[in-house]
Amino acid sequence: MTNLLVKLAGPSYKTTITGCAEALAATFFGLAVCPYELGDVSTVIDPSWKPFFFKAAGICYVISRVLNAIWTKATNVSGNTATGQTVSDSKGEYVVAVPPKNENAE
């Protein structure tokens, strides 16, 4: 399943999916709070369903925003754990060796 997601959404598929969920939730939230003076835009969601969409979209937006923030990778780190990671800052780039996991450790 992970290989399919990587092919479809790229290597950072988690942030791509949560970013799309954020946009969708924000759209539904916006439609739920539209005043009736806007005309046809405000009636896209049936008035009896607006409170449900307001709550559900708000909750989904917060959850997807938190997950996106957790899964976002630092922009100044590249590489993988097998070869070491390249960390860049204002003084230059450094290759940092990452020790292998000790699976026997408690």
PDB file of N, CA and C in Angstrom:
ATOM      1  N   MET A   1       0.823  -1.199   0.000  1.00  0.00           N
ATOM      2  CA  MET A   1       0.000   0.000   0.000  1.00  0.00           C
ATOM      3  C   MET A   1       0.860   1.252   0.000  1.00  0.00           C
ATOM      4  N   THR A   2       1.964   1.214   0.760  1.00  0.00           N
ATOM      5  CA  THR A   2       2.829   2.387   0.837  1.00  0.00           C
ATOM      6  C   THR A   2       3.462   2.683  -0.519  1.00  0.00           C
ATOM      7  N   ASN A   3       3.887   1.638  -1.257  1.00  0.00           N
ATOM      8  CA  ASN A   3       4.490   1.855  -2.564  1.00  0.00           C
ATOM      9  C   ASN A   3       3.512   2.510  -3.524  1.00  0.00           C
ATOM     10  N   LEU A   4       2.244   2.132  -3.455  1.00  0.00           N
ATOM     11  CA  LEU A   4       1.229   2.751  -4.299  1.00  0.00           C
ATOM     12  C   LEU A   4       1.058   4.224  -3.944  1.00  0.00           C
ATOM     13  N   LEU A   5       1.023   4.529  -2.656  1.00  0.00           N
ATOM     14  CA  LEU A   5       0.888   5.926  -2.235  1.00  0.00           C
ATOM     15  C   LEU A   5       2.087   6.758  -2.664  1.00  0.00           C
ATOM     16  N   VAL A   6       3.287   6.182  -2.594  1.00  0.00           N
ATOM     17  CA  VAL A   6       4.488   6.906  -3.025  1.00  0.00           C
ATOM     18  C   VAL A   6       4.420   7.183  -4.523  1.00  0.00           C
ATOM     19  N   LYS A   7       3.947   6.216  -5.307  1.00  0.00           N
ATOM     20  CA  LYS A   7       3.823   6.417  -6.753  1.00  0.00           C
ATOM     21  C   LYS A   7       2.782   7.475  -7.088  1.00  0.00           C
ATOM     22  N   LEU A   8       1.669   7.481  -6.357  1.00  0.00           N
ATOM     23  CA  LEU A   8       0.583   8.413  -6.645  1.00  0.00           C
ATOM     24  C   LEU A   8       0.846   9.823  -6.125  1.00  0.00           C
ATOM     25  N   ALA A   9       1.327   9.939  -4.895  1.00  0.00           N
ATOM     26  CA  ALA A   9       1.428  11.253  -4.253  1.00  0.00           C
ATOM     27  C   ALA A   9       2.853  11.718  -4.008  1.00  0.00           C
ATOM     28  N   GLY A  10       3.854  10.910  -4.349  1.00  0.00           N
ATOM     29  CA  GLY A  10       5.234  11.312  -4.154  1.00  0.00           C
ATOM     30  C   GLY A  10       5.788  10.812  -2.843  1.00  0.00           C
ATOM     31  N   PRO A  11       7.098  11.038  -2.632  1.00  0.00           N
ATOM     32  CA  PRO A  11       7.744  10.496  -1.441  1.00  0.00           C
ATOM     33  C   PRO A  11       7.201  11.057  -0.128  1.00  0.00           C
ATOM     34  N   SER A  12       6.700  12.251  -0.145  1.00  0.00           N
ATOM     35  CA  SER A  12       6.129  12.815   1.083  1.00  0.00           C
ATOM     36  C   SER A  12       4.606  12.735   1.006  1.00  0.00           C
ATOM     37  N   TYR A  13       4.109  11.522   0.777  1.00  0.00           N
ATOM     38  CA  TYR A  13       2.687  11.327   0.546  1.00  0.00           C
ATOM     39  C   TYR A  13       1.839  11.687   1.760  1.00  0.00           C
ATOM     40  N   LYS A  14       2.390  11.554   2.958  1.00  0.00           N
ATOM     41  CA  LYS A  14       1.593  11.862   4.151  1.00  0.00           C
ATOM     42  C   LYS A  14       1.222  13.341   4.189  1.00  0.00           C
ATOM     43  N   THR A  15       2.190  14.200   3.906  1.00  0.00           N
ATOM     44  CA  THR A  15       1.888  15.630   3.925  1.00  0.00           C
ATOM     45  C   THR A  15       1.024  16.029   2.737  1.00  0.00           C
ATOM     46  N   THR A  16       1.156  15.333   1.604  1.00  0.00           N
ATOM     47  CA  THR A  16       0.304  15.619   0.457  1.00  0.00           C
ATOM     48  C   THR A  16      -1.150  15.292   0.768  1.00  0.00           C
ATOM     49  N   ILE A  17      -1.378  14.129   1.364  1.00  0.00           N
ATOM     50  CA  ILE A  17      -2.742  13.710   1.674  1.00  0.00           C
ATOM     51  C   ILE A  17      -3.362  14.605   2.743  1.00  0.00           C
ATOM     52  N   THR A  18      -2.603  14.921   3.793  1.00  0.00           N
ATOM     53  CA  THR A  18      -3.164  15.788   4.833  1.00  0.00           C
ATOM     54  C   THR A  18      -3.362  17.216   4.329  1.00  0.00           C
ATOM     55  N   GLY A  19      -2.519  17.659   3.406  1.00  0.00           N
ATOM     56  CA  GLY A  19      -2.714  18.983   2.808  1.00  0.00           C
ATOM     57  C   GLY A  19      -3.985  19.044   1.983  1.00  0.00           C
ATOM     58  N   CYS A  20      -4.269  17.988   1.231  1.00  0.00           N
ATOM     59  CA  CYS A  20      -5.514  17.923   0.462  1.00  0.00           C
ATOM     60  C   CYS A  20      -6.721  17.853   1.401  1.00  0.00           C
ATOM     61  N   ALA A  21      -6.589  17.104   2.481  1.00  0.00           N
ATOM     62  CA  ALA A  21      -7.679  17.026   3.457  1.00  0.00           C
ATOM     63  C   ALA A  21      -7.935  18.394   4.097  1.00  0.00           C
ATOM     64  N   GLU A  22      -6.857  19.138   4.366  1.00  0.00           N
ATOM     65  CA  GLU A  22      -7.014  20.501   4.902  1.00  0.00           C
ATOM     66  C   GLU A  22      -7.801  21.376   3.946  1.00  0.00           C
ATOM     67  N   ALA A  23      -7.415  21.333   2.672  1.00  0.00           N
ATOM     68  CA  ALA A  23      -8.090  22.172   1.677  1.00  0.00           C
ATOM     69  C   ALA A  23      -9.560  21.799   1.533  1.00  0.00           C
ATOM     70  N   LEU A  24      -9.849  20.510   1.510  1.00  0.00           N
ATOM     71  CA  LEU A  24     -11.230  20.062   1.394  1.00  0.00           C
ATOM     72  C   LEU A  24     -12.056  20.452   2.623  1.00  0.00           C
ATOM     73  N   ALA A  25     -11.480  20.279   3.810  1.00  0.00           N
ATOM     74  CA  ALA A  25     -12.192  20.646   5.036  1.00  0.00           C
ATOM     75  C   ALA A  25     -12.419  22.150   5.104  1.00  0.00           C
ATOM     76  N   ALA A  26     -11.420  22.927   4.681  1.00  0.00           N
ATOM     77  CA  ALA A  26     -11.580  24.387   4.694  1.00  0.00           C
ATOM     78  C   ALA A  26     -12.670  24.827   3.712  1.00  0.00           C
ATOM     79  N   THR A  27     -12.756  24.137   2.572  1.00  0.00           N
ATOM     80  CA  THR A  27     -13.801  24.461   1.594  1.00  0.00           C
ATOM     81  C   THR A  27     -15.184  24.172   2.163  1.00  0.00           C
ATOM     82  N   PHE A  28     -15.354  22.999   2.769  1.00  0.00           N
ATOM     83  CA  PHE A  28     -16.654  22.673   3.368  1.00  0.00           C
ATOM     84  C   PHE A  28     -16.980  23.601   4.539  1.00  0.00           C
ATOM     85  N   PHE A  29     -15.969  23.969   5.311  1.00  0.00           N
ATOM     86  CA  PHE A  29     -16.192  24.897   6.417  1.00  0.00           C
ATOM     87  C   PHE A  29     -16.661  26.249   5.878  1.00  0.00           C
ATOM     88  N   GLY A  30     -15.991  26.705   4.821  1.00  0.00           N
ATOM     89  CA  GLY A  30     -16.390  27.984   4.216  1.00  0.00           C
ATOM     90  C   GLY A  30     -17.798  27.948   3.666  1.00  0.00           C
ATOM     91  N   LEU A  31     -18.164  26.842   3.021  1.00  0.00           N
ATOM     92  CA  LEU A  31     -19.536  26.724   2.508  1.00  0.00           C
ATOM     93  C   LEU A  31     -20.564  26.658   3.634  1.00  0.00           C
ATOM     94  N   ALA A  32     -20.164  26.073   4.760  1.00  0.00           N
ATOM     95  CA  ALA A  32     -21.099  25.964   5.887  1.00  0.00           C
ATOM     96  C   ALA A  32     -21.351  27.308   6.554  1.00  0.00           C
ATOM     97  N   VAL A  33     -20.393  28.200   6.520  1.00  0.00           N
ATOM     98  CA  VAL A  33     -20.571  29.499   7.187  1.00  0.00           C
ATOM     99  C   VAL A  33     -20.992  30.610   6.231  1.00  0.00           C
ATOM    100  N   CYS A  34     -21.218  30.292   4.953  1.00  0.00           N
ATOM    101  CA  CYS A  34     -21.648  31.307   3.987  1.00  0.00           C
ATOM    102  C   CYS A  34     -22.992  31.888   4.391  1.00  0.00           C
ATOM    103  N   PRO A  35     -23.107  33.202   4.397  1.00  0.00           N
ATOM    104  CA  PRO A  35     -24.417  33.793   4.693  1.00  0.00           C
ATOM    105  C   PRO A  35     -25.359  33.631   3.492  1.00  0.00           C
ATOM    106  N   TYR A  36     -26.632  33.653   3.751  1.00  0.00           N
ATOM    107  CA  TYR A  36     -27.622  33.442   2.693  1.00  0.00           C
ATOM    108  C   TYR A  36     -27.682  34.613   1.712  1.00  0.00           C
ATOM    109  N   GLU A  37     -27.092  35.743   2.053  1.00  0.00           N
ATOM    110  CA  GLU A  37     -27.097  36.891   1.155  1.00  0.00           C
ATOM    111  C   GLU A  37     -26.215  36.673  -0.077  1.00  0.00           C
ATOM    112  N   LEU A  38     -25.353  35.643  -0.056  1.00  0.00           N
ATOM    113  CA  LEU A  38     -24.478  35.389  -1.198  1.00  0.00           C
ATOM    114  C   LEU A  38     -25.192  34.692  -2.337  1.00  0.00           C
ATOM    115  N   GLY A  39     -26.393  34.245  -2.112  1.00  0.00           N
ATOM    116  CA  GLY A  39     -27.184  33.643  -3.183  1.00  0.00           C
ATOM    117  C   GLY A  39     -26.926  32.163  -3.330  1.00  0.00           C
ATOM    118  N   ASP A  40     -26.621  31.747  -4.568  1.00  0.00           N
ATOM    119  CA  ASP A  40     -26.487  30.317  -4.880  1.00  0.00           C
ATOM    120  C   ASP A  40     -25.340  29.650  -4.147  1.00  0.00           C
ATOM    121  N   VAL A  41     -24.294  30.370  -3.843  1.00  0.00           N
ATOM    122  CA  VAL A  41     -23.141  29.776  -3.155  1.00  0.00           C
ATOM    123  C   VAL A  41     -23.548  29.277  -1.775  1.00  0.00           C
ATOM    124  N   SER A  42     -24.405  30.001  -1.113  1.00  0.00           N
ATOM    125  CA  SER A  42     -24.783  29.622   0.250  1.00  0.00           C
ATOM    126  C   SER A  42     -25.740  28.446   0.297  1.00  0.00           C
ATOM    127  N   THR A  43     -26.346  28.111  -0.833  1.00  0.00           N
ATOM    128  CA  THR A  43     -27.295  26.995  -0.839  1.00  0.00           C
ATOM    129  C   THR A  43     -26.698  25.717  -1.426  1.00  0.00           C
ATOM    130  N   VAL A  44     -25.385  25.670  -1.613  1.00  0.00           N
ATOM    131  CA  VAL A  44     -24.735  24.441  -2.071  1.00  0.00           C
ATOM    132  C   VAL A  44     -24.957  23.346  -1.042  1.00  0.00           C
ATOM    133  N   ILE A  45     -24.840  23.687   0.216  1.00  0.00           N
ATOM    134  CA  ILE A  45     -25.138  22.750   1.308  1.00  0.00           C
ATOM    135  C   ILE A  45     -26.529  23.080   1.828  1.00  0.00           C
ATOM    136  N   ASP A  46     -27.344  22.057   1.958  1.00  0.00           N
ATOM    137  CA  ASP A  46     -28.699  22.245   2.468  1.00  0.00           C
ATOM    138  C   ASP A  46     -28.644  22.889   3.857  1.00  0.00           C
ATOM    139  N   PRO A  47     -29.513  23.864   4.146  1.00  0.00           N
ATOM    140  CA  PRO A  47     -29.476  24.541   5.440  1.00  0.00           C
ATOM    141  C   PRO A  47     -29.596  23.618   6.645  1.00  0.00           C
ATOM    142  N   SER A  48     -30.307  22.514   6.510  1.00  0.00           N
ATOM    143  CA  SER A  48     -30.422  21.605   7.650  1.00  0.00           C
ATOM    144  C   SER A  48     -29.114  20.851   7.909  1.00  0.00           C
ATOM    145  N   TRP A  49     -28.233  20.755   6.913  1.00  0.00           N
ATOM    146  CA  TRP A  49     -26.952  20.065   7.065  1.00  0.00           C
ATOM    147  C   TRP A  49     -25.810  20.995   7.442  1.00  0.00           C
ATOM    148  N   LYS A  50     -26.028  22.303   7.401  1.00  0.00           N
ATOM    149  CA  LYS A  50     -24.943  23.256   7.675  1.00  0.00           C
ATOM    150  C   LYS A  50     -24.319  23.109   9.061  1.00  0.00           C
ATOM    151  N   PRO A  51     -25.091  22.900  10.131  1.00  0.00           N
ATOM    152  CA  PRO A  51     -24.437  22.709  11.440  1.00  0.00           C
ATOM    153  C   PRO A  51     -23.534  21.475  11.476  1.00  0.00           C
ATOM    154  N   PHE A  52     -23.969  20.388  10.824  1.00  0.00           N
ATOM    155  CA  PHE A  52     -23.139  19.185  10.771  1.00  0.00           C
ATOM    156  C   PHE A  52     -21.839  19.452  10.016  1.00  0.00           C
ATOM    157  N   PHE A  53     -21.933  20.087   8.854  1.00  0.00           N
ATOM    158  CA  PHE A  53     -20.734  20.388   8.072  1.00  0.00           C
ATOM    159  C   PHE A  53     -19.819  21.356   8.812  1.00  0.00           C
ATOM    160  N   PHE A  54     -20.412  22.302   9.537  1.00  0.00           N
ATOM    161  CA  PHE A  54     -19.618  23.250  10.313  1.00  0.00           C
ATOM    162  C   PHE A  54     -18.751  22.526  11.344  1.00  0.00           C
ATOM    163  N   LYS A  55     -19.366  21.620  12.095  1.00  0.00           N
ATOM    164  CA  LYS A  55     -18.633  20.887  13.136  1.00  0.00           C
ATOM    165  C   LYS A  55     -17.648  19.886  12.535  1.00  0.00           C
ATOM    166  N   ALA A  56     -18.113  19.083  11.586  1.00  0.00           N
ATOM    167  CA  ALA A  56     -17.268  18.029  11.012  1.00  0.00           C
ATOM    168  C   ALA A  56     -16.083  18.617  10.258  1.00  0.00           C
ATOM    169  N   ALA A  57     -16.307  19.659   9.474  1.00  0.00           N
ATOM    170  CA  ALA A  57     -15.216  20.266   8.721  1.00  0.00           C
ATOM    171  C   ALA A  57     -14.225  20.953   9.651  1.00  0.00           C
ATOM    172  N   GLY A  58     -14.708  21.557  10.707  1.00  0.00           N
ATOM    173  CA  GLY A  58     -13.800  22.189  11.667  1.00  0.00           C
ATOM    174  C   GLY A  58     -12.909  21.174  12.358  1.00  0.00           C
ATOM    175  N   ILE A  59     -13.502  20.061  12.776  1.00  0.00           N
ATOM    176  CA  ILE A  59     -12.728  19.003  13.433  1.00  0.00           C
ATOM    177  C   ILE A  59     -11.733  18.377  12.459  1.00  0.00           C
ATOM    178  N   CYS A  60     -12.182  18.074  11.241  1.00  0.00           N
ATOM    179  CA  CYS A  60     -11.286  17.486  10.234  1.00  0.00           C
ATOM    180  C   CYS A  60     -10.140  18.430   9.884  1.00  0.00           C
ATOM    181  N   TYR A  61     -10.424  19.725   9.813  1.00  0.00           N
ATOM    182  CA  TYR A  61      -9.373  20.684   9.495  1.00  0.00           C
ATOM    183  C   TYR A  61      -8.304  20.694  10.588  1.00  0.00           C
ATOM    184  N   VAL A  62      -8.720  20.732  11.828  1.00  0.00           N
ATOM    185  CA  VAL A  62      -7.758  20.773  12.934  1.00  0.00           C
ATOM    186  C   VAL A  62      -6.918  19.495  12.973  1.00  0.00           C
ATOM    187  N   ILE A  63      -7.554  18.347  12.821  1.00  0.00           N
ATOM    188  CA  ILE A  63      -6.820  17.074  12.851  1.00  0.00           C
ATOM    189  C   ILE A  63      -5.827  16.989  11.693  1.00  0.00           C
ATOM    190  N   SER A  64      -6.262  17.328  10.488  1.00  0.00           N
ATOM    191  CA  SER A  64      -5.355  17.239   9.341  1.00  0.00           C
ATOM    192  C   SER A  64      -4.238  18.271   9.435  1.00  0.00           C
ATOM    193  N   ARG A  65      -4.517  19.420  10.009  1.00  0.00           N
ATOM    194  CA  ARG A  65      -3.473  20.443  10.177  1.00  0.00           C
ATOM    195  C   ARG A  65      -2.411  19.973  11.173  1.00  0.00           C
ATOM    196  N   VAL A  66      -2.839  19.367  12.264  1.00  0.00           N
ATOM    197  CA  VAL A  66      -1.890  18.851  13.258  1.00  0.00           C
ATOM    198  C   VAL A  66      -1.052  17.725  12.665  1.00  0.00           C
ATOM    199  N   LEU A  67      -1.690  16.787  11.968  1.00  0.00           N
ATOM    200  CA  LEU A  67      -0.941  15.694  11.349  1.00  0.00           C
ATOM    201  C   LEU A  67       0.038  16.207  10.295  1.00  0.00           C
ATOM    202  N   ASN A  68      -0.366  17.186   9.531  1.00  0.00           N
ATOM    203  CA  ASN A  68       0.522  17.760   8.523  1.00  0.00           C
ATOM    204  C   ASN A  68       1.725  18.411   9.191  1.00  0.00           C
ATOM    205  N   ALA A  69       1.512  19.096  10.288  1.00  0.00           N
ATOM    206  CA  ALA A  69       2.630  19.725  10.995  1.00  0.00           C
ATOM    207  C   ALA A  69       3.565  18.683  11.588  1.00  0.00           C
ATOM    208  N   ILE A  70       3.033  17.574  12.061  1.00  0.00           N
ATOM    209  CA  ILE A  70       3.868  16.518  12.636  1.00  0.00           C
ATOM    210  C   ILE A  70       4.689  15.837  11.552  1.00  0.00           C
ATOM    211  N   TRP A  71       4.079  15.563  10.389  1.00  0.00           N
ATOM    212  CA  TRP A  71       4.746  14.798   9.342  1.00  0.00           C
ATOM    213  C   TRP A  71       5.600  15.639   8.407  1.00  0.00           C
ATOM    214  N   THR A  72       5.573  16.948   8.532  1.00  0.00           N
ATOM    215  CA  THR A  72       6.384  17.789   7.658  1.00  0.00           C
ATOM    216  C   THR A  72       7.847  17.635   8.014  1.00  0.00           C
ATOM    217  N   LYS A  73       8.660  17.368   7.001  1.00  0.00           N
ATOM    218  CA  LYS A  73      10.088  17.157   7.194  1.00  0.00           C
ATOM    219  C   LYS A  73      10.790  18.520   7.218  1.00  0.00           C
ATOM    220  N   ALA A  74      11.859  18.611   7.996  1.00  0.00           N
ATOM    221  CA  ALA A  74      12.636  19.844   8.038  1.00  0.00           C
ATOM    222  C   ALA A  74      13.213  20.115   6.652  1.00  0.00           C
ATOM    223  N   THR A  75      13.215  21.353   6.218  1.00  0.00           N
ATOM    224  CA  THR A  75      13.674  21.677   4.874  1.00  0.00           C
ATOM    225  C   THR A  75      15.191  21.713   4.750  1.00  0.00           C
ATOM    226  N   ASN A  76      15.918  21.764   5.847  1.00  0.00           N
ATOM    227  CA  ASN A  76      17.371  21.837   5.764  1.00  0.00           C
ATOM    228  C   ASN A  76      18.041  20.483   5.970  1.00  0.00           C
ATOM    229  N   VAL A  77      17.279  19.383   5.935  1.00  0.00           N
ATOM    230  CA  VAL A  77      17.840  18.047   6.113  1.00  0.00           C
ATOM    231  C   VAL A  77      17.514  17.225   4.879  1.00  0.00           C
ATOM    232  N   SER A  78      18.528  16.570   4.324  1.00  0.00           N
ATOM    233  CA  SER A  78      18.305  15.686   3.189  1.00  0.00           C
ATOM    234  C   SER A  78      19.139  14.432   3.369  1.00  0.00           C
ATOM    235  N   GLY A  79      18.885  13.429   2.566  1.00  0.00           N
ATOM    236  CA  GLY A  79      19.628  12.180   2.677  1.00  0.00           C
ATOM    237  C   GLY A  79      18.819  11.144   3.404  1.00  0.00           C
ATOM    238  N   ASN A  80      19.439   9.999   3.653  1.00  0.00           N
ATOM    239  CA  ASN A  80      18.736   8.960   4.380  1.00  0.00           C
ATOM    240  C   ASN A  80      19.622   8.433   5.500  1.00  0.00           C
ATOM    241  N   THR A  81      19.086   7.550   6.279  1.00  0.00           N
ATOM    242  CA  THR A  81      19.827   7.084   7.452  1.00  0.00           C
ATOM    243  C   THR A  81      20.948   6.120   7.080  1.00  0.00           C
ATOM    244  N   ALA A  82      20.911   5.513   5.900  1.00  0.00           N
ATOM    245  CA  ALA A  82      21.953   4.567   5.518  1.00  0.00           C
ATOM    246  C   ALA A  82      23.251   5.276   5.135  1.00  0.00           C
ATOM    247  N   THR A  83      23.152   6.415   4.479  1.00  0.00           N
ATOM    248  CA  THR A  83      24.347   7.121   4.013  1.00  0.00           C
ATOM    249  C   THR A  83      24.700   8.314   4.878  1.00  0.00           C
ATOM    250  N   GLY A  84      23.878   8.664   5.811  1.00  0.00           N
ATOM    251  CA  GLY A  84      24.089   9.869   6.610  1.00  0.00           C
ATOM    252  C   GLY A  84      23.193  10.976   6.097  1.00  0.00           C
ATOM    253  N   GLN A  85      22.970  11.961   6.897  1.00  0.00           N
ATOM    254  CA  GLN A  85      22.101  13.058   6.500  1.00  0.00           C
ATOM    255  C   GLN A  85      22.918  14.319   6.296  1.00  0.00           C
ATOM    256  N   THR A  86      22.558  15.063   5.277  1.00  0.00           N
ATOM    257  CA  THR A  86      23.212  16.334   5.010  1.00  0.00           C
ATOM    258  C   THR A  86      22.388  17.432   5.661  1.00  0.00           C
ATOM    259  N   VAL A  87      23.008  18.137   6.579  1.00  0.00           N
ATOM    260  CA  VAL A  87      22.342  19.234   7.271  1.00  0.00           C
ATOM    261  C   VAL A  87      22.992  20.524   6.816  1.00  0.00           C
ATOM    262  N   SER A  88      22.175  21.482   6.366  1.00  0.00           N
ATOM    263  CA  SER A  88      22.722  22.751   5.920  1.00  0.00           C
ATOM    264  C   SER A  88      22.271  23.865   6.853  1.00  0.00           C
ATOM    265  N   ASP A  89      23.185  24.778   7.105  1.00  0.00           N
ATOM    266  CA  ASP A  89      22.859  25.968   7.882  1.00  0.00           C
ATOM    267  C   ASP A  89      23.616  27.140   7.276  1.00  0.00           C
ATOM    268  N   SER A  90      23.681  28.251   7.982  1.00  0.00           N
ATOM    269  CA  SER A  90      24.314  29.452   7.435  1.00  0.00           C
ATOM    270  C   SER A  90      25.818  29.303   7.252  1.00  0.00           C
ATOM    271  N   LYS A  91      26.452  28.358   7.942  1.00  0.00           N
ATOM    272  CA  LYS A  91      27.900  28.179   7.850  1.00  0.00           C
ATOM    273  C   LYS A  91      28.298  27.174   6.775  1.00  0.00           C
ATOM    274  N   GLY A  92      27.371  26.390   6.273  1.00  0.00           N
ATOM    275  CA  GLY A  92      27.687  25.412   5.240  1.00  0.00           C
ATOM    276  C   GLY A  92      26.874  24.148   5.408  1.00  0.00           C
ATOM    277  N   GLU A  93      27.349  23.101   4.716  1.00  0.00           N
ATOM    278  CA  GLU A  93      26.667  21.818   4.786  1.00  0.00           C
ATOM    279  C   GLU A  93      27.532  20.813   5.510  1.00  0.00           C
ATOM    280  N   TYR A  94      26.897  19.959   6.277  1.00  0.00           N
ATOM    281  CA  TYR A  94      27.597  18.942   7.047  1.00  0.00           C
ATOM    282  C   TYR A  94      26.923  17.599   6.826  1.00  0.00           C
ATOM    283  N   VAL A  95      27.726  16.556   6.709  1.00  0.00           N
ATOM    284  CA  VAL A  95      27.182  15.210   6.628  1.00  0.00           C
ATOM    285  C   VAL A  95      27.243  14.619   8.027  1.00  0.00           C
ATOM    286  N   VAL A  96      26.105  14.231   8.516  1.00  0.00           N
ATOM    287  CA  VAL A  96      25.987  13.707   9.867  1.00  0.00           C
ATOM    288  C   VAL A  96      25.762  12.203   9.768  1.00  0.00           C
ATOM    289  N   ALA A  97      26.635  11.434  10.393  1.00  0.00           N
ATOM    290  CA  ALA A  97      26.473   9.982  10.392  1.00  0.00           C
ATOM    291  C   ALA A  97      25.402   9.599  11.393  1.00  0.00           C
ATOM    292  N   VAL A  98      24.528   8.747  10.984  1.00  0.00           N
ATOM    293  CA  VAL A  98      23.455   8.288  11.853  1.00  0.00           C
ATOM    294  C   VAL A  98      23.775   6.856  12.264  1.00  0.00           C
ATOM    295  N   PRO A  99      23.921   6.596  13.555  1.00  0.00           N
ATOM    296  CA  PRO A  99      24.231   5.222  13.973  1.00  0.00           C
ATOM    297  C   PRO A  99      23.064   4.294  13.682  1.00  0.00           C
ATOM    298  N   PRO A 100      23.356   3.042  13.329  1.00  0.00           N
ATOM    299  CA  PRO A 100      22.265   2.107  13.050  1.00  0.00           C
ATOM    300  C   PRO A 100      21.482   1.775  14.311  1.00  0.00           C
ATOM    301  N   LYS A 101      20.240   1.388  14.108  1.00  0.00           N
ATOM    302  CA  LYS A 101      19.392   1.015  15.240  1.00  0.00           C
ATOM    303  C   LYS A 101      19.883  -0.286  15.837  1.00  0.00           C
ATOM    304  N   ASN A 102      19.875  -0.345  17.140  1.00  0.00           N
ATOM    305  CA  ASN A 102      20.193  -1.582  17.836  1.00  0.00           C
ATOM    306  C   ASN A 102      18.867  -2.215  18.211  1.00  0.00           C
ATOM    307  N   GLU A 103      18.464  -3.205  17.444  1.00  0.00           N
ATOM    308  CA  GLU A 103      17.153  -3.800  17.662  1.00  0.00           C
ATOM    309  C   GLU A 103      17.103  -4.678  18.899  1.00  0.00           C
ATOM    310  N   ASN A 104      18.267  -5.021  19.448  1.00  0.00           N
ATOM    311  CA  ASN A 104      18.294  -5.839  20.664  1.00  0.00           C
ATOM    312  C   ASN A 104      18.219  -5.012  21.930  1.00  0.00           C
ATOM    313  N   ALA A 105      18.325  -3.693  21.787  1.00  0.00           N
ATOM    314  CA  ALA A 105      18.305  -2.819  22.974  1.00  0.00           C
ATOM    315  C   ALA A 105      16.889  -2.747  23.529  1.00  0.00           C
ATOM    316  N   GLU A 106      16.820  -2.532  24.797  1.00  0.00           N
ATOM    317  CA  GLU A 106      15.501  -2.437  25.457  1.00  0.00           C
ATOM    318  C   GLU A 106      15.019  -1.030  25.503  1.00  0.00           C
TER     319      GLU A 106
END
